PDB file of all heavy atoms in Angstrom:
ATOM      1  N   ARG A   1       0.839  -1.260  -0.047  1.00  0.00           N
ATOM      2  CA  ARG A   1      -0.011   0.028  -0.078  1.00  0.00           C
ATOM      3  C   ARG A   1       0.842   1.308  -0.001  1.00  0.00           C
ATOM      4  O   ARG A   1       0.381   2.375  -0.471  1.00  0.00           O
ATOM      5  CB  ARG A   1      -0.905   0.039   1.231  1.00  0.00           C
ATOM      6  CG  ARG A   1      -1.916  -0.996   1.291  1.00  0.00           C
ATOM      7  CD  ARG A   1      -2.932  -0.799   2.320  1.00  0.00           C
ATOM      8  NE  ARG A   1      -4.043  -1.859   2.411  1.00  0.00           N
ATOM      9  CZ  ARG A   1      -5.308  -1.639   2.519  1.00  0.00           C
ATOM     10  NH1 ARG A   1      -5.761  -0.310   2.703  1.00  0.00           N
ATOM     11  NH2 ARG A   1      -6.152  -2.588   2.694  1.00  0.00           N
ATOM     12  N   ASN A   2       2.053   1.192   0.473  1.00  0.00           N
ATOM     13  CA  ASN A   2       2.955   2.362   0.584  1.00  0.00           C
ATOM     14  C   ASN A   2       3.351   2.829  -0.744  1.00  0.00           C
ATOM     15  O   ASN A   2       4.004   1.992  -1.524  1.00  0.00           O
ATOM     16  CB  ASN A   2       4.079   2.061   1.536  1.00  0.00           C
ATOM     17  CG  ASN A   2       4.944   3.271   1.803  1.00  0.00           C
ATOM     18  OD1 ASN A   2       5.770   3.654   1.021  1.00  0.00           O
ATOM     19  ND2 ASN A   2       4.731   3.941   2.966  1.00  0.00           N
ATOM     20  N   VAL A   3       3.190   4.096  -1.119  1.00  0.00           N
ATOM     21  CA  VAL A   3       3.577   4.541  -2.444  1.00  0.00           C
ATOM     22  C   VAL A   3       4.985   4.464  -2.631  1.00  0.00           C
ATOM     23  O   VAL A   3       5.548   4.184  -3.715  1.00  0.00           O
ATOM     24  CB  VAL A   3       2.899   5.998  -2.591  1.00  0.00           C
ATOM     25  CG1 VAL A   3       3.347   6.512  -4.006  1.00  0.00           C
ATOM     26  CG2 VAL A   3       1.367   5.982  -2.572  1.00  0.00           C
ATOM     27  N   ARG A   4       5.792   4.829  -1.676  1.00  0.00           N
ATOM     28  CA  ARG A   4       7.303   4.967  -1.807  1.00  0.00           C
ATOM     29  C   ARG A   4       7.802   3.675  -2.077  1.00  0.00           C
ATOM     30  O   ARG A   4       8.725   3.409  -2.873  1.00  0.00           O
ATOM     31  CB  ARG A   4       7.911   5.621  -0.540  1.00  0.00           C
ATOM     32  CG  ARG A   4       9.378   5.776  -0.590  1.00  0.00           C
ATOM     33  CD  ARG A   4       9.992   6.475   0.585  1.00  0.00           C
ATOM     34  NE  ARG A   4       9.327   7.882   0.750  1.00  0.00           N
ATOM     35  CZ  ARG A   4       9.525   8.613   1.729  1.00  0.00           C
ATOM     36  NH1 ARG A   4      10.392   8.233   2.731  1.00  0.00           N
ATOM     37  NH2 ARG A   4       9.003   9.830   1.728  1.00  0.00           N
ATOM     38  N   GLN A   5       7.429   2.584  -1.289  1.00  0.00           N
ATOM     39  CA  GLN A   5       7.784   1.205  -1.415  1.00  0.00           C
ATOM     40  C   GLN A   5       7.321   0.663  -2.735  1.00  0.00           C
ATOM     41  O   GLN A   5       8.082  -0.158  -3.374  1.00  0.00           O
ATOM     42  CB  GLN A   5       7.267   0.324  -0.323  1.00  0.00           C
ATOM     43  CG  GLN A   5       7.826   0.667   0.965  1.00  0.00           C
ATOM     44  CD  GLN A   5       7.232  -0.211   2.129  1.00  0.00           C
ATOM     45  OE1 GLN A   5       6.273  -0.981   1.933  1.00  0.00           O
ATOM     46  NE2 GLN A   5       7.640   0.020   3.430  1.00  0.00           N
ATOM     47  N   LEU A   6       6.195   1.080  -3.225  1.00  0.00           N
ATOM     48  CA  LEU A   6       5.647   0.607  -4.595  1.00  0.00           C
ATOM     49  C   LEU A   6       6.585   1.115  -5.715  1.00  0.00           C
ATOM     50  O   LEU A   6       6.789   0.419  -6.527  1.00  0.00           O
ATOM     51  CB  LEU A   6       4.218   1.196  -4.801  1.00  0.00           C
ATOM     52  CG  LEU A   6       3.652   0.868  -6.082  1.00  0.00           C
ATOM     53  CD1 LEU A   6       3.345  -0.748  -6.070  1.00  0.00           C
ATOM     54  CD2 LEU A   6       2.247   1.515  -6.156  1.00  0.00           C
ATOM     55  N   LYS A   7       7.108   2.389  -5.505  1.00  0.00           N
ATOM     56  CA  LYS A   7       8.042   2.852  -6.628  1.00  0.00           C
ATOM     57  C   LYS A   7       9.278   1.976  -6.614  1.00  0.00           C
ATOM     58  O   LYS A   7       9.934   1.740  -7.643  1.00  0.00           O
ATOM     59  CB  LYS A   7       8.269   4.289  -6.341  1.00  0.00           C
ATOM     60  CG  LYS A   7       7.182   5.211  -6.640  1.00  0.00           C
ATOM     61  CD  LYS A   7       7.534   6.722  -6.370  1.00  0.00           C
ATOM     62  CE  LYS A   7       6.280   7.634  -6.635  1.00  0.00           C
ATOM     63  NZ  LYS A   7       6.691   9.090  -6.321  1.00  0.00           N
ATOM     64  N   ALA A   8       9.811   1.686  -5.423  1.00  0.00           N
ATOM     65  CA  ALA A   8      10.914   0.875  -5.321  1.00  0.00           C
ATOM     66  C   ALA A   8      10.721  -0.566  -5.943  1.00  0.00           C
ATOM     67  O   ALA A   8      11.623  -1.144  -6.697  1.00  0.00           O
ATOM     68  CB  ALA A   8      11.423   0.758  -3.868  1.00  0.00           C
ATOM     69  N   VAL A   9       9.651  -1.155  -5.623  1.00  0.00           N
ATOM     70  CA  VAL A   9       9.279  -2.483  -6.274  1.00  0.00           C
ATOM     71  C   VAL A   9       9.202  -2.260  -7.833  1.00  0.00           C
ATOM     72  O   VAL A   9       9.602  -3.173  -8.574  1.00  0.00           O
ATOM     73  CB  VAL A   9       7.962  -2.975  -5.601  1.00  0.00           C
ATOM     74  CG1 VAL A   9       7.443  -4.185  -6.404  1.00  0.00           C
ATOM     75  CG2 VAL A   9       8.186  -3.299  -4.221  1.00  0.00           C
ATOM     76  N   GLY A  10       8.579  -1.126  -8.302  1.00  0.00           N
ATOM     77  CA  GLY A  10       8.593  -1.021  -9.693  1.00  0.00           C
ATOM     78  C   GLY A  10       9.903  -0.948 -10.369  1.00  0.00           C
ATOM     79  O   GLY A  10       9.993  -1.531 -11.419  1.00  0.00           O
ATOM     80  N   ARG A  11      10.857  -0.254  -9.752  1.00  0.00           N
ATOM     81  CA  ARG A  11      12.220  -0.234 -10.315  1.00  0.00           C
ATOM     82  C   ARG A  11      12.906  -1.593 -10.244  1.00  0.00           C
ATOM     83  O   ARG A  11      13.508  -1.983 -11.290  1.00  0.00           O
ATOM     84  CB  ARG A  11      12.984   0.813  -9.509  1.00  0.00           C
ATOM     85  CG  ARG A  11      12.585   2.196  -9.752  1.00  0.00           C
ATOM     86  CD  ARG A  11      13.724   3.179  -9.002  1.00  0.00           C
ATOM     87  NE  ARG A  11      13.741   3.004  -7.659  1.00  0.00           N
ATOM     88  CZ  ARG A  11      13.049   3.688  -6.807  1.00  0.00           C
ATOM     89  NH1 ARG A  11      12.277   4.625  -7.273  1.00  0.00           N
ATOM     90  NH2 ARG A  11      13.264   3.521  -5.421  1.00  0.00           N
ATOM     91  N   GLU A  12      12.717  -2.306  -9.278  1.00  0.00           N
ATOM     92  CA  GLU A  12      13.302  -3.722  -9.121  1.00  0.00           C
ATOM     93  C   GLU A  12      12.634  -4.600 -10.197  1.00  0.00           C
ATOM     94  O   GLU A  12      13.404  -5.468 -10.761  1.00  0.00           O
ATOM     95  CB  GLU A  12      13.111  -4.252  -7.714  1.00  0.00           C
ATOM     96  CG  GLU A  12      13.782  -3.477  -6.703  1.00  0.00           C
ATOM     97  CD  GLU A  12      13.512  -3.834  -5.292  1.00  0.00           C
ATOM     98  OE1 GLU A  12      12.592  -4.655  -5.215  1.00  0.00           O
ATOM     99  OE2 GLU A  12      14.084  -3.310  -4.407  1.00  0.00           O
ATOM    100  N   THR A  13      11.389  -4.488 -10.367  1.00  0.00           N
ATOM    101  CA  THR A  13      10.576  -5.339 -11.369  1.00  0.00           C
ATOM    102  C   THR A  13      11.160  -4.957 -12.788  1.00  0.00           C
ATOM    103  O   THR A  13      11.441  -5.874 -13.505  1.00  0.00           O
ATOM    104  CB  THR A  13       9.089  -4.948 -11.336  1.00  0.00           C
ATOM    105  OG1 THR A  13       8.593  -5.243  -9.986  1.00  0.00           O
ATOM    106  CG2 THR A  13       8.371  -5.857 -12.300  1.00  0.00           C
ATOM    107  N   ALA A  14      11.435  -3.769 -13.098  1.00  0.00           N
ATOM    108  CA  ALA A  14      11.871  -3.309 -14.370  1.00  0.00           C
ATOM    109  C   ALA A  14      13.383  -3.943 -14.590  1.00  0.00           C
ATOM    110  O   ALA A  14      13.586  -4.400 -15.712  1.00  0.00           O
ATOM    111  CB  ALA A  14      11.855  -1.830 -14.488  1.00  0.00           C
ATOM    112  N   GLN A  15      14.148  -3.941 -13.514  1.00  0.00           N
ATOM    113  CA  GLN A  15      15.488  -4.501 -13.671  1.00  0.00           C
ATOM    114  C   GLN A  15      15.387  -5.919 -13.953  1.00  0.00           C
ATOM    115  O   GLN A  15      16.185  -6.548 -14.716  1.00  0.00           O
ATOM    116  CB  GLN A  15      16.323  -4.227 -12.387  1.00  0.00           C
ATOM    117  CG  GLN A  15      16.537  -2.750 -12.159  1.00  0.00           C
ATOM    118  CD  GLN A  15      17.225  -2.435 -10.792  1.00  0.00           C
ATOM    119  OE1 GLN A  15      17.399  -3.325 -10.086  1.00  0.00           O
ATOM    120  NE2 GLN A  15      17.519  -1.153 -10.558  1.00  0.00           N
ATOM    121  N   LEU A  16      14.542  -6.648 -13.222  1.00  0.00           N
ATOM    122  CA  LEU A  16      14.446  -8.060 -13.509  1.00  0.00           C
ATOM    123  C   LEU A  16      13.897  -8.426 -14.830  1.00  0.00           C
ATOM    124  O   LEU A  16      14.343  -9.362 -15.441  1.00  0.00           O
ATOM    125  CB  LEU A  16      13.500  -8.720 -12.372  1.00  0.00           C
ATOM    126  CG  LEU A  16      13.987  -8.894 -11.005  1.00  0.00           C
ATOM    127  CD1 LEU A  16      12.815  -9.253 -10.001  1.00  0.00           C
ATOM    128  CD2 LEU A  16      15.033  -9.881 -10.895  1.00  0.00           C
ATOM    129  N   GLN A  17      13.012  -7.557 -15.302  1.00  0.00           N
ATOM    130  CA  GLN A  17      12.506  -7.802 -16.732  1.00  0.00           C
ATOM    131  C   GLN A  17      13.665  -7.642 -17.753  1.00  0.00           C
ATOM    132  O   GLN A  17      13.749  -8.413 -18.703  1.00  0.00           O
ATOM    133  CB  GLN A  17      11.352  -6.737 -17.019  1.00  0.00           C
ATOM    134  CG  GLN A  17      10.162  -7.132 -16.263  1.00  0.00           C
ATOM    135  CD  GLN A  17       9.090  -6.077 -16.599  1.00  0.00           C
ATOM    136  OE1 GLN A  17       9.400  -4.928 -16.919  1.00  0.00           O
ATOM    137  NE2 GLN A  17       7.764  -6.426 -16.380  1.00  0.00           N
ATOM    138  N   ASN A  18      14.532  -6.712 -17.518  1.00  0.00           N
ATOM    139  CA  ASN A  18      15.625  -6.477 -18.370  1.00  0.00           C
ATOM    140  C   ASN A  18      16.537  -7.694 -18.390  1.00  0.00           C
ATOM    141  O   ASN A  18      17.071  -8.037 -19.393  1.00  0.00           O
ATOM    142  CB  ASN A  18      16.354  -5.204 -18.008  1.00  0.00           C
ATOM    143  CG  ASN A  18      15.595  -3.931 -18.364  1.00  0.00           C
ATOM    144  OD1 ASN A  18      14.734  -3.953 -19.297  1.00  0.00           O
ATOM    145  ND2 ASN A  18      15.742  -2.786 -17.575  1.00  0.00           N
ATOM    146  N   GLN A  19      16.869  -8.058 -17.165  1.00  0.00           N
ATOM    147  CA  GLN A  19      17.801  -9.349 -17.039  1.00  0.00           C
ATOM    148  C   GLN A  19      17.220 -10.509 -17.679  1.00  0.00           C
ATOM    149  O   GLN A  19      17.950 -11.276 -18.373  1.00  0.00           O
ATOM    150  CB  GLN A  19      18.114  -9.555 -15.546  1.00  0.00           C
ATOM    151  CG  GLN A  19      18.893  -8.365 -14.851  1.00  0.00           C
ATOM    152  CD  GLN A  19      19.016  -8.692 -13.343  1.00  0.00           C
ATOM    153  OE1 GLN A  19      19.056  -9.832 -12.985  1.00  0.00           O
ATOM    154  NE2 GLN A  19      19.135  -7.641 -12.604  1.00  0.00           N
ATOM    155  N   MET A  20      15.882 -10.789 -17.480  1.00  0.00           N
ATOM    156  CA  MET A  20      15.226 -12.000 -18.018  1.00  0.00           C
ATOM    157  C   MET A  20      15.355 -11.875 -19.582  1.00  0.00           C
ATOM    158  O   MET A  20      15.577 -12.826 -20.318  1.00  0.00           O
ATOM    159  CB  MET A  20      13.929 -12.171 -17.520  1.00  0.00           C
ATOM    160  CG  MET A  20      13.761 -12.536 -16.102  1.00  0.00           C
ATOM    161  SD  MET A  20      12.028 -13.017 -15.516  1.00  0.00           S
ATOM    162  CE  MET A  20      11.253 -11.468 -15.761  1.00  0.00           C
ATOM    163  N   TRP A  21      14.977 -10.658 -20.083  1.00  0.00           N
ATOM    164  CA  TRP A  21      14.904 -10.576 -21.572  1.00  0.00           C
ATOM    165  C   TRP A  21      16.273 -10.632 -22.229  1.00  0.00           C
ATOM    166  O   TRP A  21      16.487 -11.196 -23.228  1.00  0.00           O
ATOM    167  CB  TRP A  21      14.258  -9.207 -21.902  1.00  0.00           C
ATOM    168  CG  TRP A  21      14.227  -9.048 -23.362  1.00  0.00           C
ATOM    169  CD1 TRP A  21      14.918  -8.274 -24.140  1.00  0.00           C
ATOM    170  CD2 TRP A  21      13.214  -9.719 -24.303  1.00  0.00           C
ATOM    171  NE1 TRP A  21      14.477  -8.263 -25.543  1.00  0.00           N
ATOM    172  CE2 TRP A  21      13.481  -9.182 -25.530  1.00  0.00           C
ATOM    173  CE3 TRP A  21      12.231 -10.551 -24.132  1.00  0.00           C
ATOM    174  CZ2 TRP A  21      12.833  -9.590 -26.730  1.00  0.00           C
ATOM    175  CZ3 TRP A  21      11.511 -10.997 -25.269  1.00  0.00           C
ATOM    176  CH2 TRP A  21      11.788 -10.497 -26.502  1.00  0.00           C
ATOM    177  N   THR A  22      17.272 -10.075 -21.480  1.00  0.00           N
ATOM    178  CA  THR A  22      18.650 -10.126 -22.039  1.00  0.00           C
ATOM    179  C   THR A  22      19.167 -11.533 -22.167  1.00  0.00           C
ATOM    180  O   THR A  22      19.811 -11.970 -23.159  1.00  0.00           O
ATOM    181  CB  THR A  22      19.644  -9.234 -21.139  1.00  0.00           C
ATOM    182  OG1 THR A  22      19.137  -7.881 -21.180  1.00  0.00           O
ATOM    183  CG2 THR A  22      21.039  -9.295 -21.678  1.00  0.00           C
ATOM    184  N   THR A  23      18.915 -12.304 -21.045  1.00  0.00           N
ATOM    185  CA  THR A  23      19.368 -13.770 -21.050  1.00  0.00           C
ATOM    186  C   THR A  23      18.600 -14.564 -22.081  1.00  0.00           C
ATOM    187  O   THR A  23      19.279 -15.258 -22.876  1.00  0.00           O
ATOM    188  CB  THR A  23      18.939 -14.326 -19.524  1.00  0.00           C
ATOM    189  OG1 THR A  23      19.631 -13.568 -18.573  1.00  0.00           O
ATOM    190  CG2 THR A  23      19.486 -15.736 -19.584  1.00  0.00           C
ATOM    191  N   VAL A  24      17.391 -14.346 -22.301  1.00  0.00           N
ATOM    192  CA  VAL A  24      16.651 -15.191 -23.257  1.00  0.00           C
ATOM    193  C   VAL A  24      17.036 -14.726 -24.653  1.00  0.00           C
ATOM    194  O   VAL A  24      17.231 -15.551 -25.606  1.00  0.00           O
ATOM    195  CB  VAL A  24      15.083 -15.001 -23.132  1.00  0.00           C
ATOM    196  CG1 VAL A  24      14.321 -15.635 -24.225  1.00  0.00           C
ATOM    197  CG2 VAL A  24      14.644 -15.650 -21.780  1.00  0.00           C
ATOM    198  N   GLN A  25      17.300 -13.402 -24.942  1.00  0.00           N
ATOM    199  CA  GLN A  25      17.606 -12.859 -26.161  1.00  0.00           C
ATOM    200  C   GLN A  25      18.951 -13.384 -26.696  1.00  0.00           C
ATOM    201  O   GLN A  25      19.283 -13.686 -27.799  1.00  0.00           O
ATOM    202  CB  GLN A  25      17.501 -11.355 -26.167  1.00  0.00           C
ATOM    203  CG  GLN A  25      17.754 -10.705 -27.500  1.00  0.00           C
ATOM    204  CD  GLN A  25      17.811  -9.158 -27.445  1.00  0.00           C
ATOM    205  OE1 GLN A  25      18.196  -8.622 -26.454  1.00  0.00           O
ATOM    206  NE2 GLN A  25      17.341  -8.520 -28.513  1.00  0.00           N
ATOM    207  N   ALA A  26      19.955 -13.445 -25.655  1.00  0.00           N
ATOM    208  CA  ALA A  26      21.331 -13.888 -25.969  1.00  0.00           C
ATOM    209  C   ALA A  26      21.294 -15.262 -26.412  1.00  0.00           C
ATOM    210  O   ALA A  26      21.991 -15.764 -27.303  1.00  0.00           O
ATOM    211  CB  ALA A  26      22.173 -13.628 -24.705  1.00  0.00           C
ATOM    212  N   ASN A  27      20.502 -16.077 -25.745  1.00  0.00           N
ATOM    213  CA  ASN A  27      20.468 -17.554 -26.009  1.00  0.00           C
ATOM    214  C   ASN A  27      19.824 -17.753 -27.304  1.00  0.00           C
ATOM    215  O   ASN A  27      20.307 -18.584 -28.121  1.00  0.00           O
ATOM    216  CB  ASN A  27      19.603 -18.305 -24.884  1.00  0.00           C
ATOM    217  CG  ASN A  27      19.749 -19.746 -25.051  1.00  0.00           C
ATOM    218  OD1 ASN A  27      19.001 -20.307 -25.879  1.00  0.00           O
ATOM    219  ND2 ASN A  27      20.537 -20.357 -24.268  1.00  0.00           N
ATOM    220  N   ALA A  28      18.757 -17.001 -27.600  1.00  0.00           N
ATOM    221  CA  ALA A  28      18.148 -17.146 -28.983  1.00  0.00           C
ATOM    222  C   ALA A  28      19.001 -16.676 -30.111  1.00  0.00           C
ATOM    223  O   ALA A  28      18.997 -17.237 -31.189  1.00  0.00           O
ATOM    224  CB  ALA A  28      16.854 -16.398 -28.950  1.00  0.00           C
ATOM    225  N   SER A  29      19.809 -15.611 -29.842  1.00  0.00           N
ATOM    226  CA  SER A  29      20.737 -15.189 -30.859  1.00  0.00           C
ATOM    227  C   SER A  29      21.869 -16.184 -31.167  1.00  0.00           C
ATOM    228  O   SER A  29      22.258 -16.407 -32.276  1.00  0.00           O
ATOM    229  CB  SER A  29      21.433 -13.831 -30.394  1.00  0.00           C
ATOM    230  OG  SER A  29      20.341 -12.811 -30.274  1.00  0.00           O
ATOM    231  N   ALA A  30      22.308 -16.850 -29.999  1.00  0.00           N
ATOM    232  CA  ALA A  30      23.286 -17.806 -30.223  1.00  0.00           C
ATOM    233  C   ALA A  30      22.785 -19.129 -30.878  1.00  0.00           C
ATOM    234  O   ALA A  30      23.514 -19.847 -31.661  1.00  0.00           O
ATOM    235  CB  ALA A  30      23.953 -18.142 -28.871  1.00  0.00           C
ATOM    236  N   LYS A  31      21.572 -19.456 -30.653  1.00  0.00           N
ATOM    237  CA  LYS A  31      20.918 -20.739 -31.141  1.00  0.00           C
ATOM    238  C   LYS A  31      19.491 -20.335 -31.647  1.00  0.00           C
ATOM    239  O   LYS A  31      18.438 -20.550 -31.078  1.00  0.00           O
ATOM    240  CB  LYS A  31      20.717 -21.748 -29.967  1.00  0.00           C
ATOM    241  CG  LYS A  31      22.029 -22.039 -29.298  1.00  0.00           C
ATOM    242  CD  LYS A  31      21.766 -23.089 -28.109  1.00  0.00           C
ATOM    243  CE  LYS A  31      23.029 -23.426 -27.372  1.00  0.00           C
ATOM    244  NZ  LYS A  31      22.799 -24.246 -26.112  1.00  0.00           N
ATOM    245  N   PRO A  32      19.415 -19.768 -32.796  1.00  0.00           N
ATOM    246  CA  PRO A  32      18.270 -19.404 -33.429  1.00  0.00           C
ATOM    247  C   PRO A  32      17.425 -20.581 -33.937  1.00  0.00           C
ATOM    248  O   PRO A  32      17.418 -20.942 -35.111  1.00  0.00           O
ATOM    249  CB  PRO A  32      18.653 -18.466 -34.557  1.00  0.00           C
ATOM    250  CG  PRO A  32      19.975 -18.939 -34.963  1.00  0.00           C
ATOM    251  CD  PRO A  32      20.678 -19.430 -33.612  1.00  0.00           C
ATOM    252  N   THR A  33      16.749 -21.260 -33.086  1.00  0.00           N
ATOM    253  CA  THR A  33      15.807 -22.390 -33.407  1.00  0.00           C
ATOM    254  C   THR A  33      14.484 -22.106 -32.955  1.00  0.00           C
ATOM    255  O   THR A  33      14.205 -21.265 -32.199  1.00  0.00           O
ATOM    256  CB  THR A  33      16.421 -23.665 -32.632  1.00  0.00           C
ATOM    257  OG1 THR A  33      16.225 -23.534 -31.208  1.00  0.00           O
ATOM    258  CG2 THR A  33      17.927 -23.899 -32.964  1.00  0.00           C
ATOM    259  N   PRO A  34      13.547 -23.001 -33.466  1.00  0.00           N
ATOM    260  CA  PRO A  34      12.135 -22.737 -33.132  1.00  0.00           C
ATOM    261  C   PRO A  34      11.938 -22.978 -31.593  1.00  0.00           C
ATOM    262  O   PRO A  34      10.965 -22.372 -31.039  1.00  0.00           O
ATOM    263  CB  PRO A  34      11.395 -23.924 -33.847  1.00  0.00           C
ATOM    264  CG  PRO A  34      12.301 -24.175 -35.100  1.00  0.00           C
ATOM    265  CD  PRO A  34      13.674 -23.876 -34.562  1.00  0.00           C
TER     266      PRO A  34
END
């Protein structure tokens, strides 16, 4: 419920999204398979 903590969680969520996408994208670029 706390707005300040919510902003911190939003930043951490965005960082995790970037890490997950970077990892998957790197693997797909190295092995472009179905």
